[in-house]
Amino acid sequence: MTVAFAAGAPLPVLVPLFVAAGVGLSLFGIWWDTALAERVPPHTLSRVSAYDWMGSLALLPVGYLLAGPLGEALGSGLVLGVGSVLATLVLAGGLAVRETWTLRRLEPV
């Protein structure tokens, strides 16, 4: 999706791609929160959630710091395209772990 944006795809192509990405991110958030709530003991859920958010957001400032100079030096389209490919590869790497894609709901106790 972001690769299409970097490549200069027209708006009628980008809108459905970004809507689908938004739906996917929303579903992921629901599934992630459900998995945490089912598998993490209630007395540690707050701490686990805090570490999760800290880990998820920790490198954002580095990316913000590097994006501008790299975009100026290499071109914004190239930086956006390479960044989106790298992000896709890292996210796809999570699917290499069997437990990621075979995770099932727990039975209520």
Protein backbone atom coordinates (compact mmCIF):
# COMPACT_ATOMS: atom_id res chain seq x y z
CA MET A 1 0.00 0.00 0.00
CA THR A 2 2.68 2.53 0.96
CA VAL A 3 4.76 1.28 -1.95
CA ALA A 4 1.90 2.28 -4.26
CA PHE A 5 1.91 5.73 -2.68
CA ALA A 6 5.69 5.99 -3.11
CA ALA A 7 5.35 4.93 -6.74
CA GLY A 8 2.88 7.75 -7.39
CA ALA A 9 -0.26 5.65 -7.88
CA PRO A 10 -3.41 7.66 -8.62
CA LEU A 11 -5.90 8.50 -5.88
CA PRO A 12 -8.59 6.01 -7.03
CA VAL A 13 -6.03 3.23 -6.50
CA LEU A 14 -4.72 4.56 -3.19
CA VAL A 15 -8.04 5.10 -1.42
CA PRO A 16 -9.16 1.42 -1.40
CA LEU A 17 -5.64 0.33 -0.44
CA PHE A 18 -5.51 2.66 2.54
CA VAL A 19 -9.08 1.76 3.59
CA ALA A 20 -8.11 -1.93 3.53
CA ALA A 21 -4.97 -1.14 5.53
CA GLY A 22 -7.05 0.75 8.10
CA VAL A 23 -9.44 -2.17 8.45
CA GLY A 24 -6.49 -4.54 8.82
CA LEU A 25 -4.85 -2.40 11.50
CA SER A 26 -8.12 -2.12 13.39
CA LEU A 27 -8.65 -5.87 13.32
CA PHE A 28 -5.07 -6.47 14.42
CA GLY A 29 -5.56 -4.14 17.38
CA ILE A 30 -8.72 -5.97 18.45
CA TRP A 31 -7.07 -9.38 18.12
CA TRP A 32 -3.91 -8.23 19.92
CA ASP A 33 -5.82 -6.75 22.87
CA THR A 34 -7.98 -9.88 23.08
CA ALA A 35 -4.92 -12.15 23.10
CA LEU A 36 -3.29 -10.06 25.82
CA ALA A 37 -6.42 -10.05 27.96
CA GLU A 38 -6.85 -13.81 27.61
CA ARG A 39 -3.25 -14.83 28.20
CA VAL A 40 -1.77 -12.30 30.61
CA PRO A 41 -2.79 -12.51 34.28
CA PRO A 42 -4.93 -9.51 35.26
CA HIS A 43 -2.50 -8.30 37.91
CA THR A 44 0.30 -7.97 35.31
CA LEU A 45 -1.74 -6.83 32.30
CA SER A 46 -1.08 -3.13 32.88
CA ARG A 47 2.68 -3.63 33.04
CA VAL A 48 2.76 -5.93 30.01
CA SER A 49 0.66 -3.46 28.03
CA ALA A 50 2.96 -0.59 29.03
CA TYR A 51 6.06 -2.49 27.91
CA ASP A 52 4.29 -3.41 24.67
CA TRP A 53 3.53 0.25 23.90
CA MET A 54 7.02 1.37 24.92
CA GLY A 55 8.58 -1.20 22.60
CA SER A 56 6.22 -0.29 19.78
CA LEU A 57 6.93 3.43 19.99
CA ALA A 58 10.57 3.47 21.11
CA LEU A 59 12.17 3.87 17.68
CA LEU A 60 9.68 6.37 16.23
CA PRO A 61 11.83 9.40 17.16
CA VAL A 62 14.82 7.84 15.38
CA GLY A 63 12.72 7.34 12.27
CA TYR A 64 11.47 10.92 12.42
CA LEU A 65 15.03 12.14 12.84
CA LEU A 66 16.33 10.18 9.85
CA ALA A 67 13.39 10.58 7.45
CA GLY A 68 13.96 14.23 6.60
CA PRO A 69 17.69 14.10 5.81
CA LEU A 70 17.34 10.80 3.94
CA GLY A 71 14.40 12.17 1.95
CA GLU A 72 16.43 15.23 0.99
CA ALA A 73 19.49 13.18 0.03
CA LEU A 74 17.85 10.23 -1.73
CA GLY A 75 14.38 11.46 -2.65
CA SER A 76 11.17 11.05 -0.71
CA GLY A 77 9.75 8.36 -3.02
CA LEU A 78 12.79 6.13 -2.61
CA VAL A 79 12.88 6.53 1.18
CA LEU A 80 9.15 5.84 1.49
CA GLY A 81 9.38 2.84 -0.84
CA VAL A 82 12.38 1.27 0.89
CA GLY A 83 10.88 1.95 4.31
CA SER A 84 7.60 0.31 3.39
CA VAL A 85 9.36 -2.74 1.96
CA LEU A 86 11.47 -3.07 5.12
CA ALA A 87 8.40 -2.70 7.34
CA THR A 88 6.56 -5.34 5.32
CA LEU A 89 9.48 -7.76 5.63
CA VAL A 90 9.72 -7.24 9.39
CA LEU A 91 5.97 -7.72 9.85
CA ALA A 92 6.01 -10.78 7.61
CA GLY A 93 8.82 -12.14 9.77
CA GLY A 94 6.33 -12.32 12.62
CA LEU A 95 4.38 -14.84 10.58
CA ALA A 96 7.45 -17.11 10.46
CA VAL A 97 6.69 -18.03 14.07
CA ARG A 98 4.12 -20.81 13.90
CA GLU A 99 2.40 -19.77 17.11
CA THR A 100 1.60 -16.39 15.58
CA TRP A 101 -0.71 -17.72 12.91
CA THR A 102 -2.09 -20.69 14.87
CA LEU A 103 -3.16 -18.69 17.93
CA ARG A 104 -6.69 -19.63 18.98
CA ARG A 105 -9.16 -18.12 21.45
CA LEU A 106 -9.05 -19.58 24.93
CA GLU A 107 -12.15 -21.10 26.45
CA PRO A 108 -13.71 -18.90 29.15
CA VAL A 109 -13.11 -20.17 32.68
